Amino acid sequence: AGISLPRTAREQLRAGVPVGRRAIKPGDLVFMHLAHKE
């Protein structure tokens, strides 16, 4: 889509602007801590 993002999830967590759980729209990045990965 012509959007340049950093390569790692940790760096991506600092990209763009924060969005609240109830305000998530299509195309937003969603992050979670799962047992098998940081």
Full PDB file with SEQRES, HELIX, SHEET, SSBOND, CRYST1, ORIGX, SCALE, CONECT and MASTER records, all heavy atoms in Angstrom:
SEQRES   1 A   38  ALA GLY ILE SER LEU PRO ARG THR ALA ARG GLU GLN LEU          
SEQRES   2 A   38  ARG ALA GLY VAL PRO VAL GLY ARG ARG ALA ILE LYS PRO          
SEQRES   3 A   38  GLY ASP LEU VAL PHE MET HIS LEU ALA HIS LYS GLU              
HELIX    1 AA1 ALA A    9  GLN A   12  1                                   4    
HELIX    2 AA2 ARG A   21  ALA A   23  5                                   3    
CRYST1    1.000    1.000    1.000  90.00  90.00  90.00 P 1           1          
ORIGX1      1.000000  0.000000  0.000000        0.00000                         
ORIGX2      0.000000  1.000000  0.000000        0.00000                         
ORIGX3      0.000000  0.000000  1.000000        0.00000                         
SCALE1      1.000000  0.000000  0.000000        0.00000                         
SCALE2      0.000000  1.000000  0.000000        0.00000                         
SCALE3      0.000000  0.000000  1.000000        0.00000                         
ATOM      1  N   ALA A   1       0.830  -1.207   0.000  1.00  0.00           N  
ATOM      2  CA  ALA A   1       0.000   0.000   0.000  1.00  0.00           C  
ATOM      3  C   ALA A   1       0.866   1.260   0.000  1.00  0.00           C  
ATOM      4  O   ALA A   1       0.357   2.360   0.198  1.00  0.00           O  
ATOM      5  CB  ALA A   1      -0.912  -0.013   1.219  1.00  0.00           C  
ATOM      6  N   GLY A   2       2.180   1.085  -0.188  1.00  0.00           N  
ATOM      7  CA  GLY A   2       3.077   2.241  -0.230  1.00  0.00           C  
ATOM      8  C   GLY A   2       3.427   2.798   1.136  1.00  0.00           C  
ATOM      9  O   GLY A   2       3.876   3.929   1.256  1.00  0.00           O  
ATOM     10  N   ILE A   3       3.225   1.998   2.188  1.00  0.00           N  
ATOM     11  CA  ILE A   3       3.520   2.443   3.556  1.00  0.00           C  
ATOM     12  C   ILE A   3       4.791   1.744   4.018  1.00  0.00           C  
ATOM     13  O   ILE A   3       4.874   0.514   3.988  1.00  0.00           O  
ATOM     14  CB  ILE A   3       2.363   2.097   4.509  1.00  0.00           C  
ATOM     15  CG1 ILE A   3       1.072   2.772   4.049  1.00  0.00           C  
ATOM     16  CG2 ILE A   3       2.707   2.479   5.948  1.00  0.00           C  
ATOM     17  CD1 ILE A   3      -0.178   2.188   4.692  1.00  0.00           C  
ATOM     18  N   SER A   4       5.749   2.516   4.449  1.00  0.00           N  
ATOM     19  CA  SER A   4       7.004   1.953   4.935  1.00  0.00           C  
ATOM     20  C   SER A   4       6.928   1.800   6.453  1.00  0.00           C  
ATOM     21  O   SER A   4       6.627   2.757   7.163  1.00  0.00           O  
ATOM     22  CB  SER A   4       8.150   2.899   4.552  1.00  0.00           C  
ATOM     23  OG  SER A   4       9.356   2.393   5.059  1.00  0.00           O  
ATOM     24  N   LEU A   5       7.185   0.585   6.928  1.00  0.00           N  
ATOM     25  CA  LEU A   5       7.150   0.307   8.365  1.00  0.00           C  
ATOM     26  C   LEU A   5       8.452  -0.339   8.796  1.00  0.00           C  
ATOM     27  O   LEU A   5       9.105  -1.013   8.012  1.00  0.00           O  
ATOM     28  CB  LEU A   5       6.017  -0.662   8.692  1.00  0.00           C  
ATOM     29  CG  LEU A   5       4.610  -0.113   8.747  1.00  0.00           C  
ATOM     30  CD1 LEU A   5       3.626  -1.244   9.024  1.00  0.00           C  
ATOM     31  CD2 LEU A   5       4.474   0.951   9.813  1.00  0.00           C  
ATOM     32  N   PRO A   6       8.808  -0.174  10.076  1.00  0.00           N  
ATOM     33  CA  PRO A   6       9.973  -0.907  10.588  1.00  0.00           C  
ATOM     34  C   PRO A   6       9.707  -2.415  10.538  1.00  0.00           C  
ATOM     35  O   PRO A   6       8.553  -2.844  10.461  1.00  0.00           O  
ATOM     36  CB  PRO A   6      10.115  -0.427  12.027  1.00  0.00           C  
ATOM     37  CG  PRO A   6       9.044   0.557  12.280  1.00  0.00           C  
ATOM     38  CD  PRO A   6       8.177   0.667  11.072  1.00  0.00           C  
ATOM     39  N   ARG A   7      10.757  -3.231  10.623  1.00  0.00           N  
ATOM     40  CA  ARG A   7      10.650  -4.670  10.395  1.00  0.00           C  
ATOM     41  C   ARG A   7      10.128  -5.469  11.590  1.00  0.00           C  
ATOM     42  O   ARG A   7       9.472  -6.480  11.416  1.00  0.00           O  
ATOM     43  CB  ARG A   7      12.032  -5.206   9.955  1.00  0.00           C  
ATOM     44  CG  ARG A   7      12.099  -6.696   9.730  1.00  0.00           C  
ATOM     45  CD  ARG A   7      11.128  -7.143   8.644  1.00  0.00           C  
ATOM     46  NE  ARG A   7      11.152  -8.585   8.448  1.00  0.00           N  
ATOM     47  CZ  ARG A   7      10.410  -9.454   9.110  1.00  0.00           C  
ATOM     48  NH1 ARG A   7       9.586  -9.051  10.051  1.00  0.00           N  
ATOM     49  NH2 ARG A   7      10.499 -10.735   8.855  1.00  0.00           N  
ATOM     50  N   THR A   8      10.425  -5.043  12.827  1.00  0.00           N  
ATOM     51  CA  THR A   8      10.047  -5.879  13.974  1.00  0.00           C  
ATOM     52  C   THR A   8       8.756  -5.390  14.633  1.00  0.00           C  
ATOM     53  O   THR A   8       8.405  -4.218  14.559  1.00  0.00           O  
ATOM     54  CB  THR A   8      11.156  -5.908  15.040  1.00  0.00           C  
ATOM     55  OG1 THR A   8      11.242  -4.613  15.646  1.00  0.00           O  
ATOM     56  CG2 THR A   8      12.506  -6.295  14.437  1.00  0.00           C  
ATOM     57  N   ALA A   9       8.065  -6.326  15.297  1.00  0.00           N  
ATOM     58  CA  ALA A   9       6.825  -5.987  16.004  1.00  0.00           C  
ATOM     59  C   ALA A   9       7.093  -4.915  17.062  1.00  0.00           C  
ATOM     60  O   ALA A   9       6.295  -3.993  17.239  1.00  0.00           O  
ATOM     61  CB  ALA A   9       6.222  -7.239  16.641  1.00  0.00           C  
ATOM     62  N   ARG A  10       8.231  -5.009  17.751  1.00  0.00           N  
ATOM     63  CA  ARG A  10       8.557  -4.024  18.789  1.00  0.00           C  
ATOM     64  C   ARG A  10       8.665  -2.625  18.181  1.00  0.00           C  
ATOM     65  O   ARG A  10       8.156  -1.653  18.745  1.00  0.00           O  
ATOM     66  CB  ARG A  10       9.861  -4.411  19.487  1.00  0.00           C  
ATOM     67  CG  ARG A  10      10.268  -3.450  20.587  1.00  0.00           C  
ATOM     68  CD  ARG A  10      11.389  -3.991  21.445  1.00  0.00           C  
ATOM     69  NE  ARG A  10      11.034  -5.179  22.205  1.00  0.00           N  
ATOM     70  CZ  ARG A  10      10.194  -5.187  23.244  1.00  0.00           C  
ATOM     71  NH1 ARG A  10       9.626  -4.088  23.634  1.00  0.00           N  
ATOM     72  NH2 ARG A  10       9.946  -6.302  23.886  1.00  0.00           N  
ATOM     73  N   GLU A  11       9.316  -2.519  17.026  1.00  0.00           N  
ATOM     74  CA  GLU A  11       9.438  -1.213  16.356  1.00  0.00           C  
ATOM     75  C   GLU A  11       8.080  -0.756  15.807  1.00  0.00           C  
ATOM     76  O   GLU A  11       7.760   0.420  15.841  1.00  0.00           O  
ATOM     77  CB  GLU A  11      10.449  -1.295  15.211  1.00  0.00           C  
ATOM     78  CG  GLU A  11      11.879  -1.511  15.658  1.00  0.00           C  
ATOM     79  CD  GLU A  11      12.798  -1.916  14.499  1.00  0.00           C  
ATOM     80  OE1 GLU A  11      12.372  -2.694  13.624  1.00  0.00           O  
ATOM     81  OE2 GLU A  11      13.933  -1.431  14.487  1.00  0.00           O  
ATOM     82  N   GLN A  12       7.288  -1.710  15.301  1.00  0.00           N  
ATOM     83  CA  GLN A  12       5.974  -1.372  14.750  1.00  0.00           C  
ATOM     84  C   GLN A  12       5.037  -0.839  15.835  1.00  0.00           C  
ATOM     85  O   GLN A  12       4.154  -0.034  15.561  1.00  0.00           O  
ATOM     86  CB  GLN A  12       5.354  -2.592  14.056  1.00  0.00           C  
ATOM     87  CG  GLN A  12       6.083  -2.963  12.783  1.00  0.00           C  
ATOM     88  CD  GLN A  12       5.644  -4.306  12.218  1.00  0.00           C  
ATOM     89  OE1 GLN A  12       4.744  -4.963  12.720  1.00  0.00           O  
ATOM     90  NE2 GLN A  12       6.314  -4.732  11.149  1.00  0.00           N  
ATOM     91  N   LEU A  13       5.254  -1.267  17.078  1.00  0.00           N  
ATOM     92  CA  LEU A  13       4.436  -0.811  18.200  1.00  0.00           C  
ATOM     93  C   LEU A  13       4.620   0.687  18.447  1.00  0.00           C  
ATOM     94  O   LEU A  13       3.813   1.310  19.129  1.00  0.00           O  
ATOM     95  CB  LEU A  13       4.780  -1.623  19.456  1.00  0.00           C  
ATOM     96  CG  LEU A  13       3.926  -1.423  20.707  1.00  0.00           C  
ATOM     97  CD1 LEU A  13       2.440  -1.622  20.420  1.00  0.00           C  
ATOM     98  CD2 LEU A  13       4.368  -2.361  21.813  1.00  0.00           C  
ATOM     99  N   ARG A  14       5.669   1.271  17.858  1.00  0.00           N  
ATOM    100  CA  ARG A  14       5.906   2.712  17.997  1.00  0.00           C  
ATOM    101  C   ARG A  14       5.503   3.479  16.735  1.00  0.00           C  
ATOM    102  O   ARG A  14       5.630   4.701  16.698  1.00  0.00           O  
ATOM    103  CB  ARG A  14       7.384   2.972  18.323  1.00  0.00           C  
ATOM    104  CG  ARG A  14       7.793   2.440  19.686  1.00  0.00           C  
ATOM    105  CD  ARG A  14       9.149   2.939  20.128  1.00  0.00           C  
ATOM    106  NE  ARG A  14      10.244   2.466  19.293  1.00  0.00           N  
ATOM    107  CZ  ARG A  14      10.968   1.383  19.525  1.00  0.00           C  
ATOM    108  NH1 ARG A  14      10.719   0.637  20.571  1.00  0.00           N  
ATOM    109  NH2 ARG A  14      11.950   1.039  18.722  1.00  0.00           N  
ATOM    110  N   ALA A  15       5.025   2.775  15.704  1.00  0.00           N  
ATOM    111  CA  ALA A  15       4.642   3.424  14.442  1.00  0.00           C  
ATOM    112  C   ALA A  15       3.230   3.993  14.561  1.00  0.00           C  
ATOM    113  O   ALA A  15       2.432   3.540  15.382  1.00  0.00           O  
ATOM    114  CB  ALA A  15       4.703   2.418  13.297  1.00  0.00           C  
ATOM    115  N   GLY A  16       2.927   4.981  13.744  1.00  0.00           N  
ATOM    116  CA  GLY A  16       1.569   5.517  13.697  1.00  0.00           C  
ATOM    117  C   GLY A  16       1.144   6.144  15.010  1.00  0.00           C  
ATOM    118  O   GLY A  16       1.957   6.678  15.757  1.00  0.00           O  
ATOM    119  N   VAL A  17      -0.154   6.080  15.276  1.00  0.00           N  
ATOM    120  CA  VAL A  17      -0.704   6.668  16.495  1.00  0.00           C  
ATOM    121  C   VAL A  17      -1.486   5.603  17.263  1.00  0.00           C  
ATOM    122  O   VAL A  17      -2.068   4.701  16.665  1.00  0.00           O  
ATOM    123  CB  VAL A  17      -1.631   7.870  16.180  1.00  0.00           C  
ATOM    124  CG1 VAL A  17      -0.840   9.025  15.572  1.00  0.00           C  
ATOM    125  CG2 VAL A  17      -2.769   7.468  15.259  1.00  0.00           C  
ATOM    126  N   PRO A  18      -1.508   5.695  18.605  1.00  0.00           N  
ATOM    127  CA  PRO A  18      -2.224   4.691  19.387  1.00  0.00           C  
ATOM    128  C   PRO A  18      -3.732   4.772  19.166  1.00  0.00           C  
ATOM    129  O   PRO A  18      -4.279   5.845  18.945  1.00  0.00           O  
ATOM    130  CB  PRO A  18      -1.853   5.022  20.835  1.00  0.00           C  
ATOM    131  CG  PRO A  18      -1.270   6.379  20.825  1.00  0.00           C  
ATOM    132  CD  PRO A  18      -0.854   6.706  19.429  1.00  0.00           C  
ATOM    133  N   VAL A  19      -4.381   3.611  19.228  1.00  0.00           N  
ATOM    134  CA  VAL A  19      -5.825   3.504  19.056  1.00  0.00           C  
ATOM    135  C   VAL A  19      -6.355   2.648  20.200  1.00  0.00           C  
ATOM    136  O   VAL A  19      -5.764   1.620  20.520  1.00  0.00           O  
ATOM    137  CB  VAL A  19      -6.157   2.803  17.709  1.00  0.00           C  
ATOM    138  CG1 VAL A  19      -7.656   2.630  17.538  1.00  0.00           C  
ATOM    139  CG2 VAL A  19      -5.578   3.561  16.540  1.00  0.00           C  
ATOM    140  N   GLY A  20      -7.463   3.055  20.797  1.00  0.00           N  
ATOM    141  CA  GLY A  20      -8.075   2.277  21.867  1.00  0.00           C  
ATOM    142  C   GLY A  20      -8.718   1.010  21.326  1.00  0.00           C  
ATOM    143  O   GLY A  20      -9.098   0.951  20.151  1.00  0.00           O  
ATOM    144  N   ARG A  21      -8.873   0.005  22.173  1.00  0.00           N  
ATOM    145  CA  ARG A  21      -9.436  -1.291  21.768  1.00  0.00           C  
ATOM    146  C   ARG A  21     -10.798  -1.133  21.097  1.00  0.00           C  
ATOM    147  O   ARG A  21     -11.109  -1.804  20.134  1.00  0.00           O  
ATOM    148  CB  ARG A  21      -9.530  -2.191  23.019  1.00  0.00           C  
ATOM    149  CG  ARG A  21     -10.275  -3.514  22.823  1.00  0.00           C  
ATOM    150  CD  ARG A  21      -9.535  -4.449  21.883  1.00  0.00           C  
ATOM    151  NE  ARG A  21     -10.286  -5.671  21.620  1.00  0.00           N  
ATOM    152  CZ  ARG A  21     -11.148  -5.824  20.604  1.00  0.00           C  
ATOM    153  NH1 ARG A  21     -11.392  -4.835  19.783  1.00  0.00           N  
ATOM    154  NH2 ARG A  21     -11.763  -6.969  20.426  1.00  0.00           N  
ATOM    155  N   ARG A  22     -11.641  -0.230  21.594  1.00  0.00           N  
ATOM    156  CA  ARG A  22     -12.981  -0.060  21.032  1.00  0.00           C  
ATOM    157  C   ARG A  22     -12.999   0.815  19.786  1.00  0.00           C  
ATOM    158  O   ARG A  22     -14.037   0.965  19.147  1.00  0.00           O  
ATOM    159  CB  ARG A  22     -13.920   0.520  22.083  1.00  0.00           C  
ATOM    160  CG  ARG A  22     -14.260  -0.493  23.156  1.00  0.00           C  
ATOM    161  CD  ARG A  22     -15.217   0.091  24.188  1.00  0.00           C  
ATOM    162  NE  ARG A  22     -15.580  -0.904  25.183  1.00  0.00           N  
ATOM    163  CZ  ARG A  22     -14.818  -1.235  26.219  1.00  0.00           C  
ATOM    164  NH1 ARG A  22     -13.642  -0.676  26.380  1.00  0.00           N  
ATOM    165  NH2 ARG A  22     -15.220  -2.151  27.088  1.00  0.00           N  
ATOM    166  N   ALA A  23     -11.863   1.410  19.437  1.00  0.00           N  
ATOM    167  CA  ALA A  23     -11.804   2.313  18.279  1.00  0.00           C  
ATOM    168  C   ALA A  23     -11.087   1.689  17.086  1.00  0.00           C  
ATOM    169  O   ALA A  23     -10.828   2.359  16.095  1.00  0.00           O  
ATOM    170  CB  ALA A  23     -11.102   3.617  18.680  1.00  0.00           C  
ATOM    171  N   ILE A  24     -10.758   0.396  17.185  1.00  0.00           N  
ATOM    172  CA  ILE A  24     -10.008  -0.274  16.113  1.00  0.00           C  
ATOM    173  C   ILE A  24     -10.812  -0.272  14.813  1.00  0.00           C  
ATOM    174  O   ILE A  24     -11.999  -0.567  14.800  1.00  0.00           O  
ATOM    175  CB  ILE A  24      -9.643  -1.712  16.530  1.00  0.00           C  
ATOM    176  CG1 ILE A  24      -8.612  -1.672  17.659  1.00  0.00           C  
ATOM    177  CG2 ILE A  24      -9.113  -2.508  15.344  1.00  0.00           C  
ATOM    178  CD1 ILE A  24      -8.319  -3.023  18.280  1.00  0.00           C  
ATOM    179  N   LYS A  25     -10.111   0.099  13.738  1.00  0.00           N  
ATOM    180  CA  LYS A  25     -10.702   0.132  12.394  1.00  0.00           C  
ATOM    181  C   LYS A  25      -9.896  -0.794  11.482  1.00  0.00           C  
ATOM    182  O   LYS A  25      -8.757  -1.129  11.789  1.00  0.00           O  
ATOM    183  CB  LYS A  25     -10.611   1.554  11.821  1.00  0.00           C  
ATOM    184  CG  LYS A  25     -11.348   2.601  12.628  1.00  0.00           C  
ATOM    185  CD  LYS A  25     -12.717   2.828  12.063  1.00  0.00           C  
ATOM    186  CE  LYS A  25     -13.316   4.129  12.516  1.00  0.00           C  
ATOM    187  NZ  LYS A  25     -14.170   4.049  13.657  1.00  0.00           N  
ATOM    188  N   PRO A  26     -10.469  -1.179  10.339  1.00  0.00           N  
ATOM    189  CA  PRO A  26      -9.719  -2.003   9.388  1.00  0.00           C  
ATOM    190  C   PRO A  26      -8.383  -1.345   9.025  1.00  0.00           C  
ATOM    191  O   PRO A  26      -8.329  -0.133   8.801  1.00  0.00           O  
ATOM    192  CB  PRO A  26     -10.643  -2.077   8.174  1.00  0.00           C  
ATOM    193  CG  PRO A  26     -12.014  -1.896   8.744  1.00  0.00           C  
ATOM    194  CD  PRO A  26     -11.828  -0.909   9.875  1.00  0.00           C  
ATOM    195  N   GLY A  27      -7.325  -2.141   9.002  1.00  0.00           N  
ATOM    196  CA  GLY A  27      -6.000  -1.632   8.660  1.00  0.00           C  
ATOM    197  C   GLY A  27      -5.157  -1.246   9.856  1.00  0.00           C  
ATOM    198  O   GLY A  27      -3.960  -1.045   9.720  1.00  0.00           O  
ATOM    199  N   ASP A  28      -5.769  -1.140  11.042  1.00  0.00           N  
ATOM    200  CA  ASP A  28      -4.973  -0.837  12.238  1.00  0.00           C  
ATOM    201  C   ASP A  28      -4.132  -2.066  12.589  1.00  0.00           C  
ATOM    202  O   ASP A  28      -4.538  -3.209  12.341  1.00  0.00           O  
ATOM    203  CB  ASP A  28      -5.872  -0.498  13.432  1.00  0.00           C  
ATOM    204  CG  ASP A  28      -6.550   0.862  13.293  1.00  0.00           C  
ATOM    205  OD1 ASP A  28      -6.124   1.665  12.442  1.00  0.00           O  
ATOM    206  OD2 ASP A  28      -7.510   1.109  14.053  1.00  0.00           O  
ATOM    207  N   LEU A  29      -2.975  -1.816  13.168  1.00  0.00           N  
ATOM    208  CA  LEU A  29      -2.138  -2.919  13.650  1.00  0.00           C  
ATOM    209  C   LEU A  29      -2.585  -3.262  15.063  1.00  0.00           C  
ATOM    210  O   LEU A  29      -2.818  -2.364  15.872  1.00  0.00           O  
ATOM    211  CB  LEU A  29      -0.656  -2.519  13.659  1.00  0.00           C  
ATOM    212  CG  LEU A  29      -0.078  -2.035  12.332  1.00  0.00           C  
ATOM    213  CD1 LEU A  29       1.422  -1.802  12.472  1.00  0.00           C  
ATOM    214  CD2 LEU A  29      -0.372  -3.000  11.205  1.00  0.00           C  
ATOM    215  N   VAL A  30      -2.717  -4.551  15.356  1.00  0.00           N  
ATOM    216  CA  VAL A  30      -3.104  -4.987  16.697  1.00  0.00           C  
ATOM    217  C   VAL A  30      -1.960  -5.808  17.291  1.00  0.00           C  
ATOM    218  O   VAL A  30      -1.349  -6.620  16.606  1.00  0.00           O  
ATOM    219  CB  VAL A  30      -4.430  -5.785  16.683  1.00  0.00           C  
ATOM    220  CG1 VAL A  30      -5.586  -4.859  16.354  1.00  0.00           C  
ATOM    221  CG2 VAL A  30      -4.395  -6.948  15.710  1.00  0.00           C  
ATOM    222  N   PHE A  31      -1.668  -5.539  18.546  1.00  0.00           N  
ATOM    223  CA  PHE A  31      -0.521  -6.153  19.211  1.00  0.00           C  
ATOM    224  C   PHE A  31      -0.975  -6.939  20.428  1.00  0.00           C  
ATOM    225  O   PHE A  31      -1.888  -6.534  21.133  1.00  0.00           O  
ATOM    226  CB  PHE A  31       0.467  -5.072  19.665  1.00  0.00           C  
ATOM    227  CG  PHE A  31       1.072  -4.312  18.528  1.00  0.00           C  
ATOM    228  CD1 PHE A  31       0.438  -3.184  18.010  1.00  0.00           C  
ATOM    229  CD2 PHE A  31       2.274  -4.717  17.956  1.00  0.00           C  
ATOM    230  CE1 PHE A  31       0.992  -2.483  16.950  1.00  0.00           C  
ATOM    231  CE2 PHE A  31       2.830  -4.023  16.896  1.00  0.00           C  
ATOM    232  CZ  PHE A  31       2.191  -2.906  16.398  1.00  0.00           C  
ATOM    233  N   MET A  32      -0.295  -8.055  20.666  1.00  0.00           N  
ATOM    234  CA  MET A  32      -0.592  -8.868  21.837  1.00  0.00           C  
ATOM    235  C   MET A  32       0.671  -9.558  22.320  1.00  0.00           C  
ATOM    236  O   MET A  32       1.612  -9.753  21.562  1.00  0.00           O  
ATOM    237  CB  MET A  32      -1.702  -9.868  21.533  1.00  0.00           C  
ATOM    238  CG  MET A  32      -1.471 -10.703  20.305  1.00  0.00           C  
ATOM    239  SD  MET A  32      -2.947 -10.982  19.313  1.00  0.00           S  
ATOM    240  CE  MET A  32      -3.145  -9.480  18.423  1.00  0.00           C  
ATOM    241  N   HIS A  33       0.664  -9.882  23.612  1.00  0.00           N  
ATOM    242  CA  HIS A  33       1.741 -10.697  24.196  1.00  0.00           C  
ATOM    243  C   HIS A  33       1.214 -12.114  24.279  1.00  0.00           C  
ATOM    244  O   HIS A  33       0.249 -12.368  24.992  1.00  0.00           O  
ATOM    245  CB  HIS A  33       2.102 -10.196  25.598  1.00  0.00           C  
ATOM    246  CG  HIS A  33       3.016  -9.020  25.582  1.00  0.00           C  
ATOM    247  ND1 HIS A  33       4.331  -9.101  25.167  1.00  0.00           N  
ATOM    248  CD2 HIS A  33       2.812  -7.731  25.914  1.00  0.00           C  
ATOM    249  CE1 HIS A  33       4.883  -7.905  25.250  1.00  0.00           C  
ATOM    250  NE2 HIS A  33       3.981  -7.056  25.690  1.00  0.00           N  
ATOM    251  N   LEU A  34       1.818 -13.023  23.538  1.00  0.00           N  
ATOM    252  CA  LEU A  34       1.402 -14.420  23.569  1.00  0.00           C  
ATOM    253  C   LEU A  34       2.454 -15.239  24.300  1.00  0.00           C  
ATOM    254  O   LEU A  34       3.624 -14.865  24.334  1.00  0.00           O  
ATOM    255  CB  LEU A  34       1.217 -14.952  22.139  1.00  0.00           C  
ATOM    256  CG  LEU A  34       0.157 -14.229  21.299  1.00  0.00           C  
ATOM    257  CD1 LEU A  34       0.121 -14.790  19.887  1.00  0.00           C  
ATOM    258  CD2 LEU A  34      -1.214 -14.347  21.947  1.00  0.00           C  
ATOM    259  N   ALA A  35       2.041 -16.368  24.845  1.00  0.00           N  
ATOM    260  CA  ALA A  35       2.938 -17.201  25.649  1.00  0.00           C  
ATOM    261  C   ALA A  35       4.194 -17.603  24.887  1.00  0.00           C  
ATOM    262  O   ALA A  35       5.283 -17.614  25.437  1.00  0.00           O  
ATOM    263  CB  ALA A  35       2.192 -18.438  26.128  1.00  0.00           C  
ATOM    264  N   HIS A  36       4.054 -17.915  23.588  1.00  0.00           N  
ATOM    265  CA  HIS A  36       5.189 -18.450  22.844  1.00  0.00           C  
ATOM    266  C   HIS A  36       6.052 -17.383  22.171  1.00  0.00           C  
ATOM    267  O   HIS A  36       7.041 -17.708  21.552  1.00  0.00           O  
ATOM    268  CB  HIS A  36       4.704 -19.474  21.808  1.00  0.00           C  
ATOM    269  CG  HIS A  36       3.752 -18.892  20.800  1.00  0.00           C  
ATOM    270  ND1 HIS A  36       2.412 -18.725  21.064  1.00  0.00           N  
ATOM    271  CD2 HIS A  36       3.950 -18.432  19.552  1.00  0.00           C  
ATOM    272  CE1 HIS A  36       1.830 -18.188  20.005  1.00  0.00           C  
ATOM    273  NE2 HIS A  36       2.739 -18.000  19.077  1.00  0.00           N  
ATOM    274  N   LYS A  37       5.659 -16.121  22.252  1.00  0.00           N  
ATOM    275  CA  LYS A  37       6.513 -15.072  21.684  1.00  0.00           C  
ATOM    276  C   LYS A  37       6.362 -13.799  22.494  1.00  0.00           C  
ATOM    277  O   LYS A  37       5.353 -13.581  23.134  1.00  0.00           O  
ATOM    278  CB  LYS A  37       6.260 -14.819  20.197  1.00  0.00           C  
ATOM    279  CG  LYS A  37       4.813 -14.753  19.757  1.00  0.00           C  
ATOM    280  CD  LYS A  37       4.692 -14.323  18.309  1.00  0.00           C  
ATOM    281  CE  LYS A  37       5.055 -15.427  17.356  1.00  0.00           C  
ATOM    282  NZ  LYS A  37       4.959 -15.040  15.965  1.00  0.00           N  
ATOM    283  N   GLU A  38       7.398 -12.987  22.442  1.00  0.00           N  
ATOM    284  CA  GLU A  38       7.406 -11.781  23.252  1.00  0.00           C  
ATOM    285  C   GLU A  38       6.298 -10.814  22.844  1.00  0.00           C  
ATOM    286  O   GLU A  38       5.506 -10.371  23.654  1.00  0.00           O  
ATOM    287  CB  GLU A  38       8.770 -11.107  23.112  1.00  0.00           C  
ATOM    288  CG  GLU A  38       9.009 -10.039  24.137  1.00  0.00           C  
ATOM    289  CD  GLU A  38      10.430  -9.513  24.047  1.00  0.00           C  
ATOM    290  OE1 GLU A  38      11.363 -10.312  23.893  1.00  0.00           O  
ATOM    291  OE2 GLU A  38      10.584  -8.290  24.118  1.00  0.00           O  
TER     292      GLU A  38                                                      
MASTER        0    0    0    2    0    0    0    6  291    1    0    3          
END                                                                             
